[in-house]
Protein backbone atom coordinates (compact mmCIF):
# COMPACT_ATOMS: atom_id res chain seq x y z
CA MET A 1 -30.49 29.93 53.09
CA ARG A 2 -28.29 28.20 50.50
CA ALA A 3 -25.60 30.19 48.69
CA PRO A 4 -26.67 31.27 45.19
CA LEU A 5 -25.56 29.00 42.24
CA ARG A 6 -23.19 30.36 39.62
CA GLY A 7 -25.13 31.12 36.51
CA SER A 8 -28.48 31.19 38.37
CA PRO A 9 -31.20 33.60 37.24
CA PRO A 10 -31.28 37.03 38.96
CA GLU A 11 -34.16 35.98 41.20
CA LEU A 12 -31.96 33.31 42.81
CA GLU A 13 -29.16 35.77 43.40
CA THR A 14 -31.40 37.98 45.66
CA PRO A 15 -31.39 36.67 49.25
CA VAL A 16 -34.82 36.17 50.83
CA HIS A 17 -34.98 37.78 54.33
CA PHE A 18 -37.89 36.24 56.20
CA HIS A 19 -37.38 38.40 59.29
CA ARG A 20 -38.19 41.49 57.26
CA TYR A 21 -41.64 40.10 56.37
CA ALA A 22 -42.30 39.13 59.98
CA ALA A 23 -41.23 42.58 61.20
CA SER A 24 -43.52 44.30 58.70
CA ALA A 25 -46.50 42.19 59.77
CA ALA A 26 -45.80 42.81 63.44
CA ALA A 27 -45.52 46.57 62.87
CA ALA A 28 -48.86 46.61 61.08
CA ALA A 29 -50.52 44.67 63.91
CA ALA A 30 -49.04 47.00 66.53
CA LEU A 31 -50.21 50.02 64.60
CA ILE A 32 -53.75 48.70 64.54
CA ALA A 33 -53.68 47.87 68.23
CA THR A 34 -52.58 51.40 69.24
CA ILE A 35 -55.13 53.36 67.27
CA PRO A 36 -57.14 55.42 69.77
CA PRO A 37 -60.88 54.74 69.91
CA ALA A 38 -61.58 58.29 68.84
CA GLU A 39 -59.62 57.77 65.70
CA ALA A 40 -60.57 54.16 65.12
CA GLN A 41 -61.48 53.18 61.64
CA THR A 42 -64.74 51.64 60.79
CA ALA A 43 -65.09 47.88 60.93
CA GLN A 44 -65.01 47.88 57.16
CA ASP A 45 -61.63 49.66 57.10
CA LEU A 46 -60.20 47.22 59.62
CA LYS A 47 -61.38 44.30 57.55
CA ALA A 48 -59.79 45.77 54.41
CA LEU A 49 -56.52 46.31 56.22
CA ARG A 50 -56.50 42.71 57.42
CA GLN A 51 -57.14 41.54 53.87
CA ASP A 52 -54.21 43.64 52.60
CA VAL A 53 -51.91 42.11 55.20
CA GLU A 54 -53.10 38.61 54.30
CA THR A 55 -52.63 39.27 50.59
CA LEU A 56 -49.13 40.57 51.25
CA ARG A 57 -48.30 37.46 53.27
CA HIS A 58 -49.73 35.18 50.56
CA ASP A 59 -47.81 36.91 47.76
CA TYR A 60 -44.49 36.67 49.55
CA GLN A 61 -45.11 33.07 50.51
CA ALA A 62 -45.83 32.24 46.82
CA LYS A 63 -42.59 33.95 45.77
CA ILE A 64 -40.64 32.05 48.42
CA ASP A 65 -42.19 28.74 47.30
CA ASP A 66 -41.33 29.54 43.65
CA LEU A 67 -37.73 30.42 44.52
CA GLU A 68 -37.27 27.24 46.54
CA THR A 69 -38.70 25.14 43.68
CA ARG A 70 -36.33 26.74 41.15
CA LEU A 71 -33.42 26.36 43.54
CA ALA A 72 -34.12 22.62 43.95
CA LYS A 73 -34.33 22.23 40.16
CA ALA A 74 -31.03 24.07 39.64
CA GLU A 75 -29.31 21.89 42.23
CA ALA A 76 -30.61 18.74 40.53
CA GLU A 77 -29.33 19.93 37.14
CA ALA A 78 -25.93 20.79 38.62
CA SER A 79 -25.70 17.33 40.20
CA ALA A 80 -26.56 15.68 36.88
CA ALA A 81 -23.90 17.79 35.10
CA ARG A 82 -21.26 16.77 37.66
CA LYS A 83 -22.16 13.10 37.22
CA ALA A 84 -21.94 13.39 33.42
CA ALA A 85 -18.54 15.11 33.70
CA GLU A 86 -17.24 12.34 35.98
CA GLU A 87 -18.48 9.66 33.55
CA ALA A 88 -16.83 11.49 30.61
CA THR A 89 -13.55 11.73 32.52
CA ALA A 90 -13.64 7.99 33.25
CA ALA A 91 -14.41 7.23 29.59
CA ASN A 92 -11.51 9.42 28.41
CA ALA A 93 -9.14 7.66 30.80
CA ALA A 94 -10.27 4.26 29.49
CA THR A 95 -9.81 5.45 25.91
CA ALA A 96 -6.30 6.76 26.66
CA LYS A 97 -5.36 3.42 28.22
CA ALA A 98 -6.67 1.55 25.18
CA VAL A 99 -4.66 3.82 22.87
CA ASP A 100 -1.49 3.15 24.88
CA VAL A 101 -2.05 -0.61 24.56
CA LEU A 102 -2.81 -0.45 20.84
CA ALA A 103 0.29 1.72 20.19
CA ASN A 104 2.47 -1.23 21.24
CA GLU A 105 0.60 -3.92 19.37
CA PRO A 106 1.83 -5.18 16.00
CA ALA A 107 0.56 -3.24 13.04
CA ALA A 108 -2.30 -4.72 11.05
CA PRO A 109 -3.97 -3.72 7.83
CA PRO A 110 -6.80 -1.24 8.45
CA ALA A 111 -10.26 -2.71 8.91
CA ALA A 112 -12.94 -1.77 6.43
CA PRO A 113 -15.64 0.62 7.71
CA ALA A 114 -18.64 -0.89 9.47
CA SER A 115 -21.24 -0.59 6.75
CA ALA A 116 -22.94 -2.61 4.05
CA ASN A 117 -19.56 -2.66 2.27
CA ALA A 118 -17.61 -3.74 5.35
CA PHE A 119 -16.17 -6.79 3.58
CA ASN A 120 -15.26 -5.02 0.33
CA PRO A 121 -11.56 -4.16 0.01
CA GLY A 122 -10.24 -0.73 0.83
CA ILE A 123 -7.92 0.42 -1.98
CA ALA A 124 -4.96 2.72 -1.32
CA ALA A 125 -2.15 4.09 -3.46
CA VAL A 126 1.24 5.55 -2.58
CA LEU A 127 3.32 7.69 -4.94
CA ASN A 128 6.96 8.03 -3.99
CA GLY A 129 8.82 10.16 -6.55
CA PHE A 130 12.43 11.39 -6.66
CA ALA A 131 14.70 14.00 -8.17
CA VAL A 132 18.34 12.96 -7.69
CA LEU A 133 21.62 14.78 -8.18
CA ALA A 134 24.66 12.51 -7.70
CA LYS A 135 28.33 12.39 -8.58
CA ASN A 136 28.07 8.68 -9.47
CA ASP A 137 25.05 6.58 -10.44
CA PRO A 138 23.37 5.49 -7.14
CA GLY A 139 21.86 2.48 -8.93
CA ALA A 140 25.34 1.02 -9.48
CA ALA A 141 26.34 1.13 -5.81
CA GLY A 142 28.41 -1.61 -4.19
CA ILE A 143 29.49 -2.42 -0.61
CA ALA A 144 33.09 -3.35 0.09
CA GLY A 145 33.49 -6.76 1.75
CA PHE A 146 29.93 -7.90 0.94
CA ALA A 147 28.19 -9.69 -1.90
CA PRO A 148 24.83 -7.91 -1.53
CA GLY A 149 21.58 -8.41 -3.38
CA ASP A 150 20.18 -6.46 -6.29
CA ALA A 151 18.07 -3.97 -4.32
CA ILE A 152 20.73 -1.89 -2.57
CA GLY A 153 20.96 0.84 -5.19
CA GLY A 154 19.03 4.09 -4.90
CA PRO A 155 16.85 5.77 -7.53
CA PRO A 156 18.67 6.80 -10.72
CA ARG A 157 19.98 10.30 -11.30
CA GLY A 158 17.43 12.81 -12.53
CA LEU A 159 13.67 12.54 -12.25
CA SER A 160 12.04 9.19 -11.50
CA LEU A 161 8.81 7.85 -10.08
CA GLY A 162 10.66 5.68 -7.58
CA GLU A 163 8.64 2.85 -6.07
CA SER A 164 4.88 3.29 -5.93
CA GLU A 165 2.38 0.98 -4.26
CA VAL A 166 -1.21 -0.11 -4.69
CA SER A 167 -2.75 -2.06 -1.82
CA PHE A 168 -6.01 -3.82 -1.03
CA THR A 169 -7.16 -4.58 2.48
CA ALA A 170 -10.35 -5.94 4.01
CA ASN A 171 -11.94 -8.04 6.70
CA ILE A 172 -12.58 -11.49 5.25
CA ASP A 173 -14.86 -12.67 8.04
CA PRO A 174 -15.04 -12.16 11.82
CA THR A 175 -11.80 -14.12 12.30
CA LEU A 176 -9.55 -13.12 9.36
CA SER A 177 -8.33 -10.02 7.56
CA GLY A 178 -6.45 -9.88 4.28
CA PHE A 179 -3.82 -7.63 2.74
CA LEU A 180 -2.48 -7.44 -0.82
CA ASP A 181 0.21 -4.98 -1.94
CA PHE A 182 1.77 -4.44 -5.38
CA SER A 183 4.89 -2.34 -5.87
CA ILE A 184 5.73 -0.62 -9.16
CA ASP A 185 9.26 0.61 -9.82
CA ASP A 186 10.25 3.47 -12.12
CA GLY A 187 10.83 0.96 -14.94
CA ASN A 188 7.14 -0.08 -14.84
CA SER A 189 8.01 -3.47 -13.38
CA ILE A 190 5.21 -4.74 -11.12
CA SER A 191 5.90 -7.12 -8.26
CA LEU A 192 3.78 -8.62 -5.51
CA GLU A 193 5.34 -7.31 -2.32
CA GLU A 194 2.90 -8.69 0.24
CA ALA A 195 -0.15 -10.95 0.09
CA TYR A 196 -1.28 -12.52 3.35
CA ILE A 197 -4.13 -13.39 5.66
CA ARG A 198 -4.02 -12.58 9.36
CA THR A 199 -6.10 -13.77 12.29
CA THR A 200 -8.04 -11.20 14.28
CA ALA A 201 -9.70 -13.19 17.06
CA LEU A 202 -7.37 -15.90 18.38
CA PRO A 203 -7.46 -16.31 22.17
CA GLY A 204 -4.53 -16.04 24.55
CA GLY A 205 -2.79 -13.13 22.80
CA PHE A 206 -1.82 -15.16 19.71
CA THR A 207 -1.81 -13.88 16.12
CA LEU A 208 -1.08 -15.91 12.98
CA LYS A 209 -0.09 -14.59 9.58
CA ALA A 210 0.37 -16.66 6.41
CA GLY A 211 1.29 -15.80 2.85
CA ARG A 212 3.95 -13.46 1.50
CA PHE A 213 4.97 -10.76 3.97
CA LEU A 214 7.83 -8.68 5.34
CA SER A 215 9.62 -10.32 8.25
CA GLY A 216 9.34 -9.00 11.81
CA ILE A 217 13.12 -8.96 12.32
CA GLY A 218 14.82 -5.66 13.07
CA TYR A 219 13.09 -2.34 13.63
CA ILE A 220 12.20 -1.07 10.15
CA ASN A 221 12.04 -4.28 8.10
CA GLU A 222 8.24 -4.54 8.33
CA ARG A 223 7.79 -0.95 7.19
CA HIS A 224 7.23 -0.16 3.55
CA ALA A 225 9.74 2.18 1.93
CA HIS A 226 7.44 5.21 2.03
CA ASP A 227 7.30 4.91 5.83
CA TRP A 228 11.08 4.99 6.37
CA SER A 229 12.46 7.97 8.27
CA PHE A 230 15.01 8.54 5.49
CA SER A 231 14.76 8.15 1.73
CA ASP A 232 16.69 4.86 1.74
CA ALA A 233 17.34 1.95 4.09
CA PRO A 234 20.26 2.18 6.54
CA LEU A 235 23.55 0.76 5.24
CA PRO A 236 23.45 -2.48 7.32
CA TYR A 237 19.98 -3.32 5.96
CA LYS A 238 21.36 -3.03 2.45
CA ALA A 239 24.40 -5.17 3.19
CA PHE A 240 22.82 -7.95 5.26
CA ILE A 241 19.27 -8.36 3.91
CA ASN A 242 19.22 -6.56 0.53
CA SER A 243 17.47 -3.50 2.09
CA GLN A 244 14.43 -5.51 3.21
CA PHE A 245 13.59 -9.17 3.76
CA GLY A 246 10.24 -10.64 2.74
CA ASP A 247 9.29 -14.13 1.58
CA ASP A 248 6.50 -16.71 1.52
CA GLY A 249 5.95 -18.13 4.97
CA VAL A 250 4.06 -18.35 8.24
CA GLN A 251 4.40 -16.12 11.29
CA VAL A 252 3.14 -16.53 14.85
CA ARG A 253 3.15 -13.79 17.49
CA TRP A 254 2.31 -13.96 21.17
CA LEU A 255 1.57 -10.88 23.26
CA ALA A 256 2.28 -11.64 26.92
CA PRO A 257 -0.42 -10.60 29.44
CA THR A 258 1.92 -8.26 31.35
CA ASP A 259 1.89 -4.55 32.19
CA GLN A 260 5.22 -4.25 30.40
CA PHE A 261 4.76 -4.63 26.63
CA LEU A 262 6.31 -8.00 25.80
CA GLU A 263 5.88 -9.79 22.49
CA PHE A 264 7.47 -12.93 21.08
CA GLY A 265 7.44 -14.01 17.45
CA GLY A 266 8.67 -16.74 15.16
CA GLU A 267 8.66 -17.25 11.39
CA VAL A 268 9.29 -19.98 8.84
CA PHE A 269 9.97 -18.99 5.21
CA ARG A 270 10.37 -20.75 1.89
CA GLY A 271 13.91 -19.42 1.49
CA ASP A 272 13.82 -17.78 -1.94
CA SER A 273 14.73 -14.21 -0.91
CA PHE A 274 18.19 -12.83 -0.11
CA PRO A 275 20.12 -13.72 2.00
CA ALA A 276 18.50 -17.12 1.45
CA GLY A 277 18.18 -18.59 -2.02
CA GLY A 278 17.20 -21.78 -3.79
CA ALA A 279 14.31 -22.82 -1.50
CA ALA A 280 16.53 -25.25 0.37
CA ASN A 281 15.18 -28.09 2.49
CA ASN A 282 12.19 -28.84 0.27
CA GLY A 283 10.89 -25.29 0.25
CA VAL A 284 11.62 -24.38 3.87
CA GLY A 285 14.93 -22.55 3.83
CA ALA A 286 14.78 -19.70 6.37
CA TYR A 287 13.75 -19.21 10.00
CA SER A 288 13.54 -16.25 12.36
CA ALA A 289 12.69 -15.41 15.95
CA PHE A 290 12.29 -12.09 17.70
CA VAL A 291 11.24 -10.52 20.97
CA HIS A 292 9.99 -6.96 21.52
CA THR A 293 9.56 -5.09 24.78
CA GLY A 294 8.76 -1.49 25.64
CA ALA A 295 7.11 0.88 28.08
CA ASP A 296 6.34 4.50 28.80
CA LEU A 297 8.93 6.64 30.57
CA GLY A 298 6.70 9.15 32.31
CA LYS A 299 4.20 11.24 30.37
CA SER A 300 6.53 12.42 27.62
CA ALA A 301 8.73 9.49 26.59
CA SER A 302 8.65 5.80 25.70
CA TYR A 303 11.02 3.15 24.42
CA LEU A 304 11.09 -0.07 22.44
CA ALA A 305 13.86 -2.68 22.54
CA ALA A 306 14.15 -5.81 20.41
CA LEU A 307 16.35 -8.80 19.67
CA SER A 308 16.07 -10.69 16.36
CA TYR A 309 17.69 -13.83 14.98
CA PHE A 310 17.61 -15.02 11.37
CA HIS A 311 18.94 -18.22 9.84
CA SER A 312 18.85 -19.31 6.20
CA ARG A 313 20.37 -21.87 3.86
CA SER A 314 21.21 -21.09 0.26
CA ILE A 315 21.79 -23.22 -2.82
CA ASP A 316 23.59 -21.32 -5.60
CA ARG A 317 22.43 -17.90 -4.39
CA ALA A 318 23.35 -15.56 -7.24
CA THR A 319 24.62 -12.02 -6.60
CA ALA A 320 26.03 -10.27 -9.68
CA ALA A 321 28.66 -12.73 -10.99
CA ASP A 322 29.03 -14.59 -7.69
CA LEU A 323 27.42 -17.77 -6.33
CA PHE A 324 27.10 -18.80 -2.70
CA SER A 325 25.90 -22.08 -1.20
CA GLY A 326 25.81 -22.49 2.54
CA GLU A 327 24.33 -21.08 5.73
CA THR A 328 23.74 -17.52 6.90
CA ASP A 329 23.17 -16.44 10.50
CA LEU A 330 22.23 -12.91 11.50
CA GLY A 331 21.54 -11.28 14.86
CA ILE A 332 20.07 -7.80 15.32
CA ALA A 333 19.75 -5.71 18.50
CA SER A 334 17.42 -2.73 18.23
CA PHE A 335 16.59 0.22 20.48
CA VAL A 336 14.16 3.10 19.89
CA TYR A 337 13.42 6.11 22.09
CA LYS A 338 10.58 8.55 21.44
CA TRP A 339 9.86 11.87 23.15
CA ALA A 340 7.04 14.38 22.85
CA PRO A 341 6.03 16.98 25.46
CA ASN A 342 3.25 15.42 27.56
CA GLY A 343 2.81 12.82 24.85
CA ASN A 344 1.55 15.38 22.30
CA SER A 345 3.63 14.89 19.15
CA THR A 346 1.78 17.40 16.95
CA THR A 347 4.07 20.33 17.78
CA ARG A 348 7.41 18.81 18.74
CA ASN A 349 8.75 15.28 18.93
CA LEU A 350 12.03 13.38 18.79
CA THR A 351 12.77 9.82 17.67
CA LEU A 352 16.17 8.24 18.27
CA SER A 353 16.94 4.73 17.03
CA SER A 354 19.96 2.49 16.66
CA GLU A 355 20.63 -1.11 15.64
CA LEU A 356 23.60 -3.47 15.79
CA PHE A 357 24.04 -6.30 13.24
CA TYR A 358 26.25 -9.36 13.50
CA GLY A 359 26.30 -11.87 10.66
CA GLU A 360 28.21 -15.00 9.71
CA GLU A 361 28.26 -16.97 6.47
CA LYS A 362 29.70 -20.45 6.04
CA GLY A 363 29.77 -22.44 2.84
CA ARG A 364 31.26 -22.16 -0.61
CA PHE A 365 31.66 -18.85 -2.42
CA ASN A 366 32.33 -19.38 -6.12
CA LEU A 367 33.17 -22.99 -5.18
CA THR A 368 35.79 -21.80 -2.66
CA PRO A 369 35.25 -22.65 1.04
CA VAL A 370 34.48 -19.56 3.11
CA SER A 371 33.69 -18.71 6.72
CA GLN A 372 33.34 -14.98 7.26
CA THR A 373 31.80 -12.68 9.88
CA HIS A 374 30.41 -9.19 9.35
CA PHE A 375 29.47 -6.40 11.72
CA GLY A 376 27.25 -3.38 11.09
CA TRP A 377 25.58 -0.53 12.92
CA TYR A 378 23.64 2.67 12.45
CA ALA A 379 22.28 5.45 14.64
CA GLN A 380 19.76 8.08 13.61
CA GLY A 381 17.59 10.83 15.03
CA VAL A 382 14.68 12.82 13.60
CA TYR A 383 13.46 15.94 15.42
CA GLN A 384 10.25 17.75 14.57
CA PHE A 385 11.06 21.22 15.86
CA MET A 386 7.77 22.84 14.88
CA PRO A 387 4.52 21.69 13.26
CA MET A 388 5.18 20.08 9.85
CA TRP A 389 8.97 20.69 9.90
CA SER A 390 11.62 18.10 10.84
CA ILE A 391 15.37 17.65 10.60
CA GLY A 392 17.28 14.37 10.79
CA LEU A 393 20.77 12.87 10.91
CA ARG A 394 21.92 9.28 10.34
CA ILE A 395 25.36 7.65 10.39
CA ALA A 396 26.17 3.99 9.63
CA GLY A 397 29.17 1.71 9.29
CA LEU A 398 30.23 -1.85 8.38
CA ASN A 399 33.20 -4.13 8.93
CA SER A 400 34.07 -7.46 7.31
CA GLU A 401 36.43 -10.19 8.40
CA PHE A 402 39.16 -11.10 5.92
CA PRO A 403 37.73 -14.03 3.89
CA GLY A 404 41.03 -15.88 3.59
CA ALA A 405 43.90 -15.96 1.13
CA ALA A 406 41.92 -18.01 -1.41
CA LEU A 407 39.36 -15.19 -1.70
CA ALA A 408 41.75 -12.25 -1.45
CA GLY A 409 40.78 -9.60 -3.99
CA SER A 410 37.30 -11.08 -4.44
CA THR A 411 33.99 -9.38 -3.71
CA LEU A 412 34.26 -10.50 -0.08
CA ASP A 413 37.59 -8.71 0.41
CA ASP A 414 37.06 -5.13 1.54
CA LEU A 415 40.69 -4.30 0.66
CA GLY A 416 41.09 -2.44 3.94
CA HIS A 417 38.07 -0.20 3.35
CA SER A 418 35.39 0.11 6.03
CA PRO A 419 32.07 1.12 4.47
CA PHE A 420 30.49 4.25 5.96
CA ALA A 421 27.57 6.53 5.13
CA ALA A 422 26.14 9.75 6.62
CA SER A 423 22.83 11.39 5.74
CA ALA A 424 21.09 14.62 6.73
CA LEU A 425 17.53 15.63 5.87
CA LEU A 426 15.03 18.46 6.02
CA GLU A 427 11.39 17.41 5.83
CA TYR A 428 8.11 19.26 5.38
CA ASP A 429 4.91 17.35 6.06
CA ILE A 430 2.20 18.92 3.93
CA SER A 431 -0.38 16.88 5.84
CA GLU A 432 -0.81 13.41 7.28
CA PHE A 433 -0.96 12.15 3.69
CA GLY A 434 1.75 14.18 1.95
CA ARG A 435 5.45 14.88 2.52
CA LEU A 436 8.39 16.65 0.89
CA ARG A 437 11.92 15.63 1.90
CA LEU A 438 15.36 16.95 0.98
CA GLN A 439 18.20 14.57 1.86
CA TYR A 440 21.96 14.72 1.41
CA THR A 441 24.09 11.56 1.70
CA ARG A 442 27.82 11.05 1.74
CA ASP A 443 28.09 7.41 0.65
CA GLU A 444 31.41 5.68 1.28
CA ALA A 445 30.07 2.12 1.12
CA ALA A 446 32.31 1.32 -1.85
CA ALA A 447 35.91 2.33 -2.36
CA LYS A 448 34.69 5.15 -4.63
CA ALA A 449 32.71 7.66 -2.57
CA ASN A 450 29.54 9.28 -3.84
CA ASP A 451 27.66 12.46 -2.95
CA GLU A 452 23.90 12.34 -3.40
CA LEU A 453 21.24 15.05 -3.11
CA VAL A 454 17.69 13.70 -3.16
CA LEU A 455 14.37 15.54 -3.33
CA GLN A 456 11.54 13.15 -2.50
CA TYR A 457 7.79 13.56 -2.47
CA THR A 458 5.38 11.03 -0.98
CA VAL A 459 1.59 11.12 -1.13
CA ILE A 460 -0.94 8.57 0.08
CA TYR A 461 -4.57 8.37 -0.91
CA GLY A 462 -7.20 5.85 0.02
CA PRO A 463 -7.55 4.02 3.37
CA HIS A 464 -4.13 3.38 4.85
CA GLY A 465 -3.33 1.58 8.08
CA ALA A 466 -1.57 3.15 11.03
CA HIS A 467 2.19 2.78 11.07
CA ARG A 468 4.09 0.88 13.73
CA TYR A 469 5.73 2.37 16.80
C-alpha cells in the first residue's frame, strides 16, 4: 500500500488490510465445513450464508476500488500542483533577473498604460516647498576662487514654494517616446527644463535622445532636484556646472552585451548653458563622453562606477559682472555603493557615494589672459535605519589654483580660502510619493560662513518614472 497523502480525506488515512478479509472468509468456510451432519443447516440456510459471504466480499472490493480511484486522483492533483509550483519558481527567477537588468539601464520616462489612451500623455506634478532659517541670505551665496553661474544659491529665507515641476510623458509610436518638463520657481518664473524624444527599439543596445535634456555626466546631474538625496546640489556641482548642466543637443548610449553592466555614452550640445556660453562653433559649443559600469556584490550589495569628460567653448560667458571667453575642460570620477539586507530595501538600506572633479579653464577673463585649474570633491551617505526614517551626512570641498598676479583680488582669487560645506539631514518618507526632510548646513563656500536650517516637503502626483540607480 502507498503511504497516505497529507491533507487526504479520512478514508485515505485508514490502511486497507486485505489479509483480514481473506482470513474472515477462510474462517467462515472452515466453520461451514466442520458443522456436524446432525446439526447441519438446511440447504436454504447454507445458500443464504454463501450469499452473505459473497455480499461481504463484493462490498469490501467496491470500497477498495473506490479508495484506489481516489488515491490515484489525489496523486495526479499533487503532481499537477508540484509542476505549477516549479513553473512559478522559474517565472519568479526570470522576473528577478529582468529586474536586475532593468535596474542598471538608463532611466526613461514612464510608458503610458496599455489601453485606448496609450498614446495620450501622462501628466505629473511635483511640489517642492521650503521653510528656511539662515544667518545670511542663501540666495546671495558665492564660492571663493570661482566665477559660478546664477543657480548656485538656495531658496530664500522664510517660506517659499521652491522649484515645482509639471511634466508630460508618452509613447509617440512603437519606436519613440517623448518627455516634456516645465519648472516653476518661487518667483513664478516658468522655464522649459527638458523636452526630448528618445528611441525605444533600436537594435544592438543603442539608444538615441534628441532635444533639450540633462547631461549624463556625473552621478546626479540627470536627476531632477526633487530626487536629490539632499535639499541642494553638492558644492562641486554648484561651482563647476552651476548645480546642473542641461542644454539642447543629441545623446547616444550603447549598452554592451556583457554580464557586467557596461554602458558608454556621448553627447553634443549647442553650448548655451554654463559652463559653456555663446553657442560657439556655429551652435555646437559643448561635448561630453561618459562610461558607466556596475555589478552586484552578493545578495545584499551593489556598486556603480563612472568616468565623465566635458568640454565647452564660451564666447563672452557672463557671470555677475565678469566675462569669460575660452575653453573649459572638466573630468568627473564617480563611485556609488548600495546595501540592503538580502536586497530588500524597504526596512533598512544604505547608500554611499563620492565624486572627484578636476577642471581647467583657459582663455580671457575680463579681457585678461587666464589659465587656471580647480579641484573639488564630496562624499555622502544616507542610511534608512527603519521604515520611512533616514539620516544622512555630506561633506564637500574645493580648491583653486592662483590665477596669476594680473587677476589677484578678482573673483578667481580665493584669497587663501578653501571652500567647504557640511550637511546633515533627518528624513521621513510619508509614502513613495511624499517626503519631509530637515537639513542643517554649515556653508563655508565663501569667506563669510553661513548656517542654514531647511525644512523641505516634496510630493509627487500623477504618473512618474522610476528613478535611476
